[in-house]
Amino acid sequence: MPSIWLYSDPHFSHQGVCRFLRADGVTKLRPWDTAEEMDEELVRRFNETVGPNDKVYMLGDIAFKRSHIRILDRLNCKDLVLIKGNHDVEDLKLYSQYFRDIRAYHIMDNYLLSHIPIHPESLSRWKGNWHGHTHANSVTLAMPPAYRPGQIDPRYMSLCVEQTDYRPILFERARDRFIEQMELSRQSSDILVVVPLDQHR
């Protein structure tokens, strides 16, 4: 039976993302020096992870230039669904050559899949929001009475490649990770602190 995978923010052929730093201001966001080197490794990891008959939901920010979108031809899975990101700004007819469906968001097992995290006031109807956009960072709590500076909001989970070993993550694995994250938040008040990444544009 085909597997369902989730994948976000590869930023294919984006040289700038190879220069971004993590919150400590020292560590590179991604381990590659050039976009060409990054692209080769992202394609390799994708193809060794996903089967040709599987399905992949891509949570946006696929490539930065029109000419770079054709790298999708190198992926061995052709059942692709695009959830558009803020950098996916080309004509829909171009994306439709590579994606079976194109959406603003998608609901799966009552999890809301989006590129940019949704507003907290909209979360109550879903189990959680699985998203992209934040790269190595996580959404933090920002409203009383739960607020403690830097505390991760467990209702959100970033599926950016920086948080999934630069490869797609199996839906069931993502669900297990989210359940574990929610349970941890109930058991402990010492949730991991993540500082926003100022370098991301």
N, C-alpha and C. Protein backbone atom coordinates (compact mmCIF):
# COMPACT_ATOMS: atom_id res chain seq x y z
N MET A 1 0.85 -1.19 0.00
CA MET A 1 0.00 0.00 0.00
C MET A 1 0.88 1.24 0.00
N PRO A 2 0.59 2.23 -0.83
CA PRO A 2 1.43 3.44 -0.89
C PRO A 2 1.47 4.17 0.44
N SER A 3 2.59 4.76 0.75
CA SER A 3 2.77 5.54 1.97
C SER A 3 2.50 7.02 1.69
N ILE A 4 2.16 7.75 2.74
CA ILE A 4 1.94 9.19 2.65
C ILE A 4 3.06 9.89 3.41
N TRP A 5 3.68 10.84 2.71
CA TRP A 5 4.82 11.57 3.26
C TRP A 5 4.52 13.07 3.29
N LEU A 6 5.23 13.77 4.17
CA LEU A 6 5.11 15.22 4.30
C LEU A 6 6.49 15.83 4.15
N TYR A 7 6.56 16.99 3.47
CA TYR A 7 7.85 17.57 3.10
C TYR A 7 7.67 19.07 3.00
N SER A 8 8.58 19.83 3.58
CA SER A 8 8.38 21.28 3.56
C SER A 8 9.68 22.06 3.42
N ASP A 9 9.59 23.12 2.66
CA ASP A 9 10.65 24.14 2.55
C ASP A 9 11.99 23.60 2.05
N PRO A 10 12.01 22.84 0.95
CA PRO A 10 13.32 22.45 0.43
C PRO A 10 14.12 23.64 -0.09
N HIS A 11 13.43 24.69 -0.58
CA HIS A 11 14.12 25.87 -1.13
C HIS A 11 15.14 25.45 -2.19
N PHE A 12 14.73 24.59 -3.11
CA PHE A 12 15.64 24.14 -4.15
C PHE A 12 16.29 25.32 -4.86
N SER A 13 17.59 25.21 -5.06
CA SER A 13 18.39 26.18 -5.82
C SER A 13 18.46 27.56 -5.19
N HIS A 14 18.16 27.66 -3.91
CA HIS A 14 18.22 28.94 -3.20
C HIS A 14 19.58 29.08 -2.51
N GLN A 15 20.45 29.88 -3.09
CA GLN A 15 21.79 30.06 -2.53
C GLN A 15 21.74 30.72 -1.16
N GLY A 16 20.79 31.62 -0.97
CA GLY A 16 20.71 32.35 0.29
C GLY A 16 20.51 31.47 1.50
N VAL A 17 19.71 30.41 1.36
CA VAL A 17 19.43 29.55 2.51
C VAL A 17 20.69 28.82 2.97
N CYS A 18 21.68 28.71 2.09
CA CYS A 18 22.95 28.10 2.47
C CYS A 18 23.81 29.05 3.32
N ARG A 19 23.42 30.31 3.38
CA ARG A 19 24.15 31.30 4.18
C ARG A 19 23.46 31.63 5.50
N PHE A 20 22.19 31.25 5.65
CA PHE A 20 21.46 31.57 6.87
C PHE A 20 22.09 30.87 8.07
N LEU A 21 21.94 31.50 9.23
CA LEU A 21 22.45 30.94 10.48
C LEU A 21 21.30 30.57 11.40
N ARG A 22 21.59 29.65 12.32
CA ARG A 22 20.60 29.30 13.33
C ARG A 22 20.59 30.36 14.43
N ALA A 23 19.75 30.16 15.43
CA ALA A 23 19.51 31.19 16.44
C ALA A 23 20.77 31.55 17.24
N ASP A 24 21.75 30.65 17.28
CA ASP A 24 22.96 30.97 18.04
C ASP A 24 23.86 31.95 17.30
N GLY A 25 23.53 32.26 16.04
CA GLY A 25 24.31 33.21 15.28
C GLY A 25 25.62 32.67 14.73
N VAL A 26 25.86 31.37 14.93
CA VAL A 26 27.12 30.75 14.51
C VAL A 26 26.88 29.55 13.60
N THR A 27 25.99 28.67 14.01
CA THR A 27 25.75 27.43 13.29
C THR A 27 24.96 27.69 12.01
N LYS A 28 25.44 27.10 10.91
CA LYS A 28 24.72 27.24 9.64
C LYS A 28 23.37 26.55 9.73
N LEU A 29 22.37 27.18 9.09
CA LEU A 29 21.04 26.58 9.05
C LEU A 29 21.07 25.25 8.31
N ARG A 30 21.81 25.20 7.21
CA ARG A 30 21.97 23.97 6.43
C ARG A 30 23.45 23.68 6.25
N PRO A 31 23.81 22.41 6.14
CA PRO A 31 25.24 22.05 6.14
C PRO A 31 25.97 22.22 4.81
N TRP A 32 25.31 22.79 3.80
CA TRP A 32 25.93 22.89 2.48
C TRP A 32 26.38 24.31 2.19
N ASP A 33 27.42 24.42 1.36
CA ASP A 33 27.98 25.73 1.01
C ASP A 33 27.38 26.31 -0.26
N THR A 34 26.89 25.45 -1.13
CA THR A 34 26.33 25.93 -2.40
C THR A 34 24.95 25.33 -2.63
N ALA A 35 24.15 26.04 -3.42
CA ALA A 35 22.82 25.54 -3.75
C ALA A 35 22.90 24.25 -4.57
N GLU A 36 23.91 24.13 -5.41
CA GLU A 36 24.06 22.93 -6.23
C GLU A 36 24.31 21.70 -5.35
N GLU A 37 25.18 21.85 -4.38
CA GLU A 37 25.48 20.75 -3.46
C GLU A 37 24.23 20.40 -2.64
N MET A 38 23.52 21.41 -2.19
CA MET A 38 22.30 21.19 -1.42
C MET A 38 21.26 20.46 -2.26
N ASP A 39 21.05 20.90 -3.49
CA ASP A 39 20.05 20.27 -4.36
C ASP A 39 20.33 18.79 -4.56
N GLU A 40 21.59 18.46 -4.82
CA GLU A 40 21.95 17.06 -5.06
C GLU A 40 21.62 16.20 -3.85
N GLU A 41 21.93 16.72 -2.66
CA GLU A 41 21.69 15.92 -1.45
C GLU A 41 20.20 15.85 -1.12
N LEU A 42 19.46 16.93 -1.34
CA LEU A 42 18.02 16.89 -1.09
C LEU A 42 17.33 15.90 -2.02
N VAL A 43 17.71 15.90 -3.29
CA VAL A 43 17.12 14.95 -4.24
C VAL A 43 17.49 13.52 -3.86
N ARG A 44 18.74 13.30 -3.48
CA ARG A 44 19.17 11.95 -3.09
C ARG A 44 18.37 11.45 -1.89
N ARG A 45 18.24 12.29 -0.86
CA ARG A 45 17.52 11.87 0.34
C ARG A 45 16.04 11.65 0.05
N PHE A 46 15.47 12.50 -0.78
CA PHE A 46 14.05 12.32 -1.16
C PHE A 46 13.87 10.96 -1.84
N ASN A 47 14.69 10.67 -2.82
CA ASN A 47 14.51 9.46 -3.62
C ASN A 47 14.84 8.18 -2.86
N GLU A 48 15.71 8.26 -1.87
CA GLU A 48 15.99 7.05 -1.08
C GLU A 48 14.94 6.84 0.00
N THR A 49 14.08 7.84 0.23
CA THR A 49 13.06 7.75 1.28
C THR A 49 11.70 7.40 0.72
N VAL A 50 11.32 8.02 -0.38
CA VAL A 50 9.96 7.92 -0.93
C VAL A 50 9.93 6.93 -2.09
N GLY A 51 8.91 6.06 -2.10
CA GLY A 51 8.74 5.12 -3.20
C GLY A 51 8.01 5.75 -4.37
N PRO A 52 8.16 5.19 -5.56
CA PRO A 52 7.55 5.78 -6.76
C PRO A 52 6.03 5.80 -6.73
N ASN A 53 5.40 4.94 -5.94
CA ASN A 53 3.94 4.91 -5.86
C ASN A 53 3.39 5.60 -4.62
N ASP A 54 4.26 6.22 -3.85
CA ASP A 54 3.84 6.92 -2.65
C ASP A 54 3.24 8.28 -3.00
N LYS A 55 2.72 8.95 -1.97
CA LYS A 55 2.14 10.28 -2.14
C LYS A 55 2.84 11.24 -1.20
N VAL A 56 3.15 12.45 -1.70
CA VAL A 56 3.86 13.44 -0.89
C VAL A 56 3.08 14.76 -0.89
N TYR A 57 2.81 15.25 0.31
CA TYR A 57 2.27 16.59 0.48
C TYR A 57 3.44 17.52 0.76
N MET A 58 3.64 18.49 -0.13
CA MET A 58 4.72 19.46 0.03
C MET A 58 4.14 20.75 0.61
N LEU A 59 4.65 21.14 1.77
CA LEU A 59 4.08 22.26 2.50
C LEU A 59 4.74 23.59 2.13
N GLY A 60 5.08 23.75 0.87
CA GLY A 60 5.46 25.05 0.35
C GLY A 60 6.93 25.37 0.30
N ASP A 61 7.20 26.51 -0.35
CA ASP A 61 8.56 27.03 -0.60
C ASP A 61 9.43 25.98 -1.29
N ILE A 62 8.98 25.61 -2.48
CA ILE A 62 9.64 24.56 -3.24
C ILE A 62 10.93 25.06 -3.88
N ALA A 63 10.83 26.12 -4.67
CA ALA A 63 12.00 26.66 -5.38
C ALA A 63 11.83 28.17 -5.53
N PHE A 64 12.92 28.85 -5.74
CA PHE A 64 12.88 30.31 -5.74
C PHE A 64 12.77 30.94 -7.12
N LYS A 65 13.10 30.21 -8.14
CA LYS A 65 13.01 30.76 -9.50
C LYS A 65 12.22 29.81 -10.38
N ARG A 66 11.55 30.38 -11.34
CA ARG A 66 10.74 29.59 -12.28
C ARG A 66 11.54 28.46 -12.90
N SER A 67 12.75 28.76 -13.29
CA SER A 67 13.57 27.76 -13.97
C SER A 67 14.02 26.63 -13.04
N HIS A 68 13.94 26.85 -11.75
CA HIS A 68 14.41 25.84 -10.79
C HIS A 68 13.34 24.80 -10.44
N ILE A 69 12.10 25.09 -10.79
CA ILE A 69 11.02 24.17 -10.43
C ILE A 69 11.18 22.84 -11.17
N ARG A 70 11.84 22.86 -12.30
CA ARG A 70 11.98 21.62 -13.07
C ARG A 70 12.83 20.57 -12.35
N ILE A 71 13.48 20.92 -11.24
CA ILE A 71 14.21 19.91 -10.47
C ILE A 71 13.25 18.83 -9.97
N LEU A 72 11.95 19.16 -9.90
CA LEU A 72 10.97 18.17 -9.47
C LEU A 72 10.90 16.98 -10.42
N ASP A 73 11.36 17.15 -11.66
CA ASP A 73 11.42 16.03 -12.60
C ASP A 73 12.34 14.93 -12.11
N ARG A 74 13.27 15.28 -11.24
CA ARG A 74 14.26 14.31 -10.76
C ARG A 74 13.75 13.50 -9.57
N LEU A 75 12.62 13.88 -9.01
CA LEU A 75 12.07 13.13 -7.88
C LEU A 75 11.36 11.89 -8.39
N ASN A 76 11.56 10.76 -7.70
CA ASN A 76 11.03 9.50 -8.21
C ASN A 76 9.55 9.29 -7.90
N CYS A 77 8.93 10.21 -7.16
CA CYS A 77 7.51 10.13 -6.85
C CYS A 77 6.77 11.20 -7.64
N LYS A 78 5.72 10.83 -8.32
CA LYS A 78 4.98 11.78 -9.16
C LYS A 78 3.61 12.14 -8.60
N ASP A 79 3.23 11.52 -7.47
CA ASP A 79 1.96 11.86 -6.83
C ASP A 79 2.24 12.93 -5.78
N LEU A 80 2.33 14.17 -6.25
CA LEU A 80 2.71 15.30 -5.40
C LEU A 80 1.54 16.26 -5.26
N VAL A 81 1.34 16.75 -4.03
CA VAL A 81 0.34 17.77 -3.74
C VAL A 81 1.06 18.97 -3.15
N LEU A 82 0.82 20.14 -3.72
CA LEU A 82 1.46 21.36 -3.23
C LEU A 82 0.51 22.14 -2.33
N ILE A 83 0.95 22.43 -1.13
CA ILE A 83 0.30 23.41 -0.26
C ILE A 83 1.17 24.66 -0.38
N LYS A 84 0.67 25.66 -1.04
CA LYS A 84 1.50 26.79 -1.47
C LYS A 84 2.10 27.55 -0.29
N GLY A 85 3.39 27.92 -0.50
CA GLY A 85 4.09 28.74 0.47
C GLY A 85 4.24 30.16 -0.02
N ASN A 86 4.81 31.01 0.81
CA ASN A 86 4.94 32.42 0.45
C ASN A 86 5.92 32.66 -0.69
N HIS A 87 6.79 31.70 -0.97
CA HIS A 87 7.72 31.85 -2.09
C HIS A 87 7.25 31.11 -3.36
N ASP A 88 6.12 30.45 -3.30
CA ASP A 88 5.58 29.75 -4.48
C ASP A 88 4.67 30.72 -5.24
N VAL A 89 5.30 31.60 -6.00
CA VAL A 89 4.59 32.74 -6.58
C VAL A 89 4.43 32.66 -8.10
N GLU A 90 4.81 31.56 -8.71
CA GLU A 90 4.69 31.44 -10.16
C GLU A 90 3.24 31.11 -10.54
N ASP A 91 2.96 31.14 -11.84
CA ASP A 91 1.61 30.82 -12.32
C ASP A 91 1.21 29.40 -11.94
N LEU A 92 -0.06 29.24 -11.62
CA LEU A 92 -0.55 27.92 -11.25
C LEU A 92 -0.35 26.90 -12.38
N LYS A 93 -0.42 27.35 -13.62
CA LYS A 93 -0.26 26.42 -14.73
C LYS A 93 1.14 25.80 -14.76
N LEU A 94 2.14 26.51 -14.22
CA LEU A 94 3.48 25.94 -14.12
C LEU A 94 3.50 24.85 -13.05
N TYR A 95 2.98 25.15 -11.87
CA TYR A 95 2.97 24.16 -10.80
C TYR A 95 2.13 22.94 -11.17
N SER A 96 1.07 23.16 -11.94
CA SER A 96 0.19 22.04 -12.29
C SER A 96 0.86 21.02 -13.20
N GLN A 97 2.00 21.38 -13.79
CA GLN A 97 2.76 20.41 -14.58
C GLN A 97 3.43 19.36 -13.69
N TYR A 98 3.62 19.70 -12.40
CA TYR A 98 4.35 18.83 -11.49
C TYR A 98 3.50 18.30 -10.34
N PHE A 99 2.43 19.01 -10.02
CA PHE A 99 1.62 18.65 -8.86
C PHE A 99 0.23 18.20 -9.29
N ARG A 100 -0.24 17.11 -8.69
CA ARG A 100 -1.57 16.60 -8.99
C ARG A 100 -2.65 17.52 -8.46
N ASP A 101 -2.35 18.22 -7.37
CA ASP A 101 -3.30 19.14 -6.76
C ASP A 101 -2.52 20.28 -6.11
N ILE A 102 -3.14 21.44 -6.03
CA ILE A 102 -2.51 22.63 -5.43
C ILE A 102 -3.53 23.23 -4.47
N ARG A 103 -3.11 23.45 -3.24
CA ARG A 103 -4.04 23.89 -2.21
C ARG A 103 -3.43 25.00 -1.36
N ALA A 104 -4.31 25.70 -0.62
CA ALA A 104 -3.86 26.67 0.38
C ALA A 104 -3.55 25.96 1.69
N TYR A 105 -4.30 24.89 1.97
CA TYR A 105 -4.09 24.08 3.16
C TYR A 105 -4.73 22.72 2.92
N HIS A 106 -4.49 21.79 3.82
CA HIS A 106 -5.10 20.46 3.69
C HIS A 106 -5.36 19.93 5.08
N ILE A 107 -6.45 19.19 5.24
CA ILE A 107 -6.78 18.57 6.52
C ILE A 107 -6.62 17.07 6.39
N MET A 108 -5.84 16.49 7.30
CA MET A 108 -5.59 15.05 7.28
C MET A 108 -5.70 14.51 8.70
N ASP A 109 -6.62 13.60 8.92
CA ASP A 109 -6.84 13.02 10.24
C ASP A 109 -7.06 14.13 11.29
N ASN A 110 -7.72 15.20 10.87
CA ASN A 110 -8.03 16.37 11.69
C ASN A 110 -6.80 17.15 12.14
N TYR A 111 -5.69 16.99 11.43
CA TYR A 111 -4.54 17.89 11.56
C TYR A 111 -4.59 18.86 10.39
N LEU A 112 -4.34 20.12 10.66
CA LEU A 112 -4.33 21.12 9.60
C LEU A 112 -2.91 21.27 9.07
N LEU A 113 -2.72 20.99 7.79
CA LEU A 113 -1.43 21.15 7.13
C LEU A 113 -1.42 22.50 6.42
N SER A 114 -0.44 23.33 6.70
CA SER A 114 -0.33 24.64 6.08
C SER A 114 1.13 24.99 5.90
N HIS A 115 1.38 26.06 5.14
CA HIS A 115 2.76 26.52 5.06
C HIS A 115 3.07 27.41 6.26
N ILE A 116 2.41 28.55 6.35
CA ILE A 116 2.60 29.45 7.49
C ILE A 116 1.70 28.97 8.63
N PRO A 117 2.21 28.95 9.88
CA PRO A 117 1.36 28.55 11.00
C PRO A 117 0.11 29.42 11.10
N ILE A 118 -1.01 28.80 11.42
CA ILE A 118 -2.25 29.55 11.51
C ILE A 118 -2.34 30.28 12.86
N HIS A 119 -3.26 31.23 12.94
CA HIS A 119 -3.45 32.00 14.16
C HIS A 119 -3.94 31.09 15.30
N PRO A 120 -3.44 31.29 16.52
CA PRO A 120 -3.85 30.42 17.64
C PRO A 120 -5.36 30.37 17.86
N GLU A 121 -6.06 31.45 17.56
CA GLU A 121 -7.51 31.46 17.78
C GLU A 121 -8.25 30.51 16.83
N SER A 122 -7.58 30.06 15.78
CA SER A 122 -8.20 29.14 14.82
C SER A 122 -7.86 27.68 15.10
N LEU A 123 -7.12 27.41 16.15
CA LEU A 123 -6.63 26.06 16.38
C LEU A 123 -7.64 25.13 17.04
N SER A 124 -8.65 25.65 17.68
CA SER A 124 -9.49 24.82 18.54
C SER A 124 -10.22 23.71 17.78
N ARG A 125 -10.46 23.90 16.50
CA ARG A 125 -11.21 22.89 15.74
C ARG A 125 -10.32 21.76 15.23
N TRP A 126 -9.00 21.87 15.38
CA TRP A 126 -8.06 20.86 14.87
C TRP A 126 -7.28 20.22 16.02
N LYS A 127 -6.75 19.03 15.75
CA LYS A 127 -5.85 18.41 16.73
C LYS A 127 -4.56 19.20 16.86
N GLY A 128 -4.13 19.81 15.76
CA GLY A 128 -2.90 20.59 15.76
C GLY A 128 -2.63 21.12 14.37
N ASN A 129 -1.63 21.97 14.27
CA ASN A 129 -1.23 22.57 13.00
C ASN A 129 0.19 22.12 12.67
N TRP A 130 0.30 21.34 11.59
CA TRP A 130 1.61 20.94 11.08
C TRP A 130 1.94 21.88 9.93
N HIS A 131 3.09 22.48 9.97
CA HIS A 131 3.37 23.60 9.08
C HIS A 131 4.82 23.61 8.62
N GLY A 132 5.10 24.56 7.73
CA GLY A 132 6.46 24.85 7.29
C GLY A 132 6.85 26.25 7.74
N HIS A 133 7.67 26.91 6.92
CA HIS A 133 7.98 28.33 7.04
C HIS A 133 9.00 28.69 8.12
N THR A 134 9.00 28.02 9.24
CA THR A 134 9.84 28.45 10.37
C THR A 134 11.23 27.83 10.36
N HIS A 135 11.49 26.93 9.44
CA HIS A 135 12.80 26.28 9.29
C HIS A 135 13.23 25.59 10.58
N ALA A 136 14.30 26.01 11.23
CA ALA A 136 14.79 25.31 12.42
C ALA A 136 14.06 25.73 13.69
N ASN A 137 13.13 26.66 13.59
CA ASN A 137 12.45 27.21 14.76
C ASN A 137 11.07 26.60 14.95
N SER A 138 10.51 26.85 16.12
CA SER A 138 9.18 26.38 16.46
C SER A 138 8.33 27.55 16.93
N VAL A 139 7.02 27.39 16.81
CA VAL A 139 6.10 28.42 17.31
C VAL A 139 6.14 28.40 18.83
N THR A 140 6.22 29.58 19.43
CA THR A 140 6.27 29.66 20.88
C THR A 140 4.99 30.26 21.44
N LEU A 141 4.71 29.95 22.69
CA LEU A 141 3.54 30.50 23.36
C LEU A 141 3.70 32.00 23.52
N ALA A 142 2.62 32.73 23.28
CA ALA A 142 2.74 34.19 23.33
C ALA A 142 1.61 34.87 24.09
N MET A 143 0.70 34.08 24.67
CA MET A 143 -0.45 34.69 25.32
C MET A 143 -0.59 34.19 26.75
N PRO A 144 -0.93 35.07 27.71
CA PRO A 144 -1.25 34.63 29.08
C PRO A 144 -2.50 33.75 29.03
N PRO A 145 -2.74 32.86 30.01
CA PRO A 145 -1.92 32.68 31.20
C PRO A 145 -0.80 31.67 31.02
N ALA A 146 -0.74 31.02 29.84
CA ALA A 146 0.27 29.97 29.64
C ALA A 146 1.64 30.51 29.33
N TYR A 147 1.75 31.79 29.08
CA TYR A 147 2.97 32.36 28.53
C TYR A 147 4.17 32.24 29.47
N ARG A 148 5.24 31.68 28.96
CA ARG A 148 6.57 31.77 29.54
C ARG A 148 7.50 32.02 28.36
N PRO A 149 8.31 33.05 28.41
CA PRO A 149 9.13 33.43 27.24
C PRO A 149 9.87 32.25 26.63
N GLY A 150 9.68 32.06 25.31
CA GLY A 150 10.42 31.03 24.58
C GLY A 150 9.85 29.63 24.67
N GLN A 151 8.75 29.42 25.40
CA GLN A 151 8.21 28.07 25.54
C GLN A 151 7.47 27.67 24.26
N ILE A 152 7.80 26.50 23.75
CA ILE A 152 7.17 26.00 22.52
C ILE A 152 5.69 25.74 22.75
N ASP A 153 4.89 26.13 21.78
CA ASP A 153 3.47 25.84 21.78
C ASP A 153 3.30 24.45 21.18
N PRO A 154 2.92 23.45 21.97
CA PRO A 154 2.89 22.06 21.46
C PRO A 154 1.79 21.78 20.46
N ARG A 155 0.89 22.73 20.23
CA ARG A 155 -0.18 22.54 19.25
C ARG A 155 0.32 22.69 17.82
N TYR A 156 1.54 23.21 17.67
CA TYR A 156 2.16 23.40 16.36
C TYR A 156 3.33 22.44 16.20
N MET A 157 3.58 22.01 14.96
CA MET A 157 4.77 21.21 14.69
C MET A 157 5.32 21.58 13.32
N SER A 158 6.55 22.00 13.30
CA SER A 158 7.20 22.34 12.04
C SER A 158 7.71 21.08 11.35
N LEU A 159 7.41 20.98 10.05
CA LEU A 159 7.89 19.85 9.25
C LEU A 159 8.90 20.31 8.21
N CYS A 160 9.53 21.46 8.45
CA CYS A 160 10.58 21.93 7.55
C CYS A 160 11.71 20.91 7.49
N VAL A 161 12.40 20.87 6.37
CA VAL A 161 13.44 19.86 6.18
C VAL A 161 14.51 19.92 7.26
N GLU A 162 14.74 21.11 7.83
CA GLU A 162 15.73 21.23 8.91
C GLU A 162 15.35 20.41 10.13
N GLN A 163 14.07 20.05 10.24
CA GLN A 163 13.60 19.30 11.41
C GLN A 163 13.24 17.86 11.07
N THR A 164 13.50 17.45 9.83
CA THR A 164 13.18 16.08 9.42
C THR A 164 14.36 15.42 8.69
N ASP A 165 15.57 15.78 9.07
CA ASP A 165 16.78 15.21 8.47
C ASP A 165 16.84 15.48 6.96
N TYR A 166 16.29 16.61 6.54
CA TYR A 166 16.33 17.04 5.13
C TYR A 166 15.72 16.01 4.18
N ARG A 167 14.69 15.35 4.65
CA ARG A 167 13.99 14.36 3.84
C ARG A 167 12.52 14.35 4.24
N PRO A 168 11.64 13.78 3.42
CA PRO A 168 10.23 13.68 3.80
C PRO A 168 10.06 12.84 5.07
N ILE A 169 8.99 13.15 5.81
CA ILE A 169 8.68 12.38 7.02
C ILE A 169 7.36 11.64 6.79
N LEU A 170 7.33 10.40 7.17
CA LEU A 170 6.14 9.57 7.03
C LEU A 170 5.01 10.14 7.89
N PHE A 171 3.78 10.13 7.36
CA PHE A 171 2.66 10.68 8.10
C PHE A 171 2.56 10.07 9.50
N GLU A 172 2.66 8.76 9.59
CA GLU A 172 2.52 8.09 10.89
C GLU A 172 3.63 8.51 11.86
N ARG A 173 4.83 8.73 11.33
CA ARG A 173 5.93 9.18 12.19
C ARG A 173 5.68 10.60 12.68
N ALA A 174 5.16 11.45 11.80
CA ALA A 174 4.83 12.81 12.20
C ALA A 174 3.75 12.79 13.29
N ARG A 175 2.76 11.94 13.12
CA ARG A 175 1.69 11.85 14.12
C ARG A 175 2.23 11.38 15.47
N ASP A 176 3.11 10.38 15.44
CA ASP A 176 3.71 9.90 16.69
C ASP A 176 4.53 11.00 17.35
N ARG A 177 5.27 11.74 16.55
CA ARG A 177 6.09 12.83 17.08
C ARG A 177 5.21 13.90 17.72
N PHE A 178 4.09 14.21 17.07
CA PHE A 178 3.19 15.23 17.61
C PHE A 178 2.56 14.77 18.92
N ILE A 179 2.09 13.52 18.96
CA ILE A 179 1.49 12.98 20.19
C ILE A 179 2.51 13.00 21.32
N GLU A 180 3.74 12.63 21.01
CA GLU A 180 4.80 12.65 22.01
C GLU A 180 5.07 14.08 22.50
N GLN A 181 5.05 15.01 21.58
CA GLN A 181 5.25 16.42 21.93
C GLN A 181 4.14 16.93 22.85
N MET A 182 2.89 16.57 22.54
CA MET A 182 1.77 16.98 23.38
C MET A 182 1.85 16.36 24.76
N GLU A 183 2.22 15.09 24.82
CA GLU A 183 2.34 14.41 26.10
C GLU A 183 3.45 15.03 26.94
N LEU A 184 4.56 15.33 26.32
CA LEU A 184 5.67 15.96 27.02
C LEU A 184 5.26 17.30 27.61
N SER A 185 4.46 18.04 26.86
CA SER A 185 4.04 19.36 27.33
C SER A 185 3.12 19.24 28.54
N ARG A 186 2.38 18.15 28.64
CA ARG A 186 1.50 17.94 29.79
C ARG A 186 2.29 17.50 31.02
N GLN A 187 3.38 16.80 30.78
CA GLN A 187 4.15 16.23 31.89
C GLN A 187 5.19 17.18 32.45
N SER A 188 5.62 18.13 31.64
CA SER A 188 6.75 18.96 32.06
C SER A 188 6.52 20.41 31.69
N SER A 189 7.01 21.28 32.51
CA SER A 189 6.95 22.71 32.21
C SER A 189 8.24 23.19 31.57
N ASP A 190 9.22 22.31 31.47
CA ASP A 190 10.53 22.68 30.91
C ASP A 190 10.59 22.28 29.44
N ILE A 191 9.83 23.00 28.61
CA ILE A 191 9.81 22.73 27.18
C ILE A 191 11.00 23.44 26.53
N LEU A 192 11.55 22.81 25.50
CA LEU A 192 12.68 23.36 24.78
C LEU A 192 12.47 24.81 24.37
N VAL A 193 13.49 25.63 24.55
CA VAL A 193 13.44 27.04 24.18
C VAL A 193 14.07 27.23 22.79
N VAL A 194 13.38 27.90 21.90
CA VAL A 194 13.90 28.20 20.57
C VAL A 194 13.73 29.68 20.31
N VAL A 195 14.81 30.35 19.95
CA VAL A 195 14.77 31.78 19.66
C VAL A 195 14.49 31.98 18.20
N PRO A 196 13.65 32.95 17.81
CA PRO A 196 13.34 33.17 16.39
C PRO A 196 14.59 33.40 15.54
N LEU A 197 14.54 32.92 14.31
CA LEU A 197 15.66 33.05 13.37
C LEU A 197 15.53 34.34 12.60
N ASP A 198 16.27 35.36 12.99
CA ASP A 198 16.14 36.67 12.38
C ASP A 198 16.60 36.69 10.92
N GLN A 199 17.49 35.75 10.55
CA GLN A 199 18.05 35.80 9.19
C GLN A 199 17.09 35.35 8.12
N HIS A 200 16.00 34.63 8.52
CA HIS A 200 15.09 34.10 7.49
C HIS A 200 14.26 35.21 6.88
N ARG A 201 14.15 35.20 5.56
CA ARG A 201 13.36 36.20 4.85
C ARG A 201 12.14 35.51 4.24
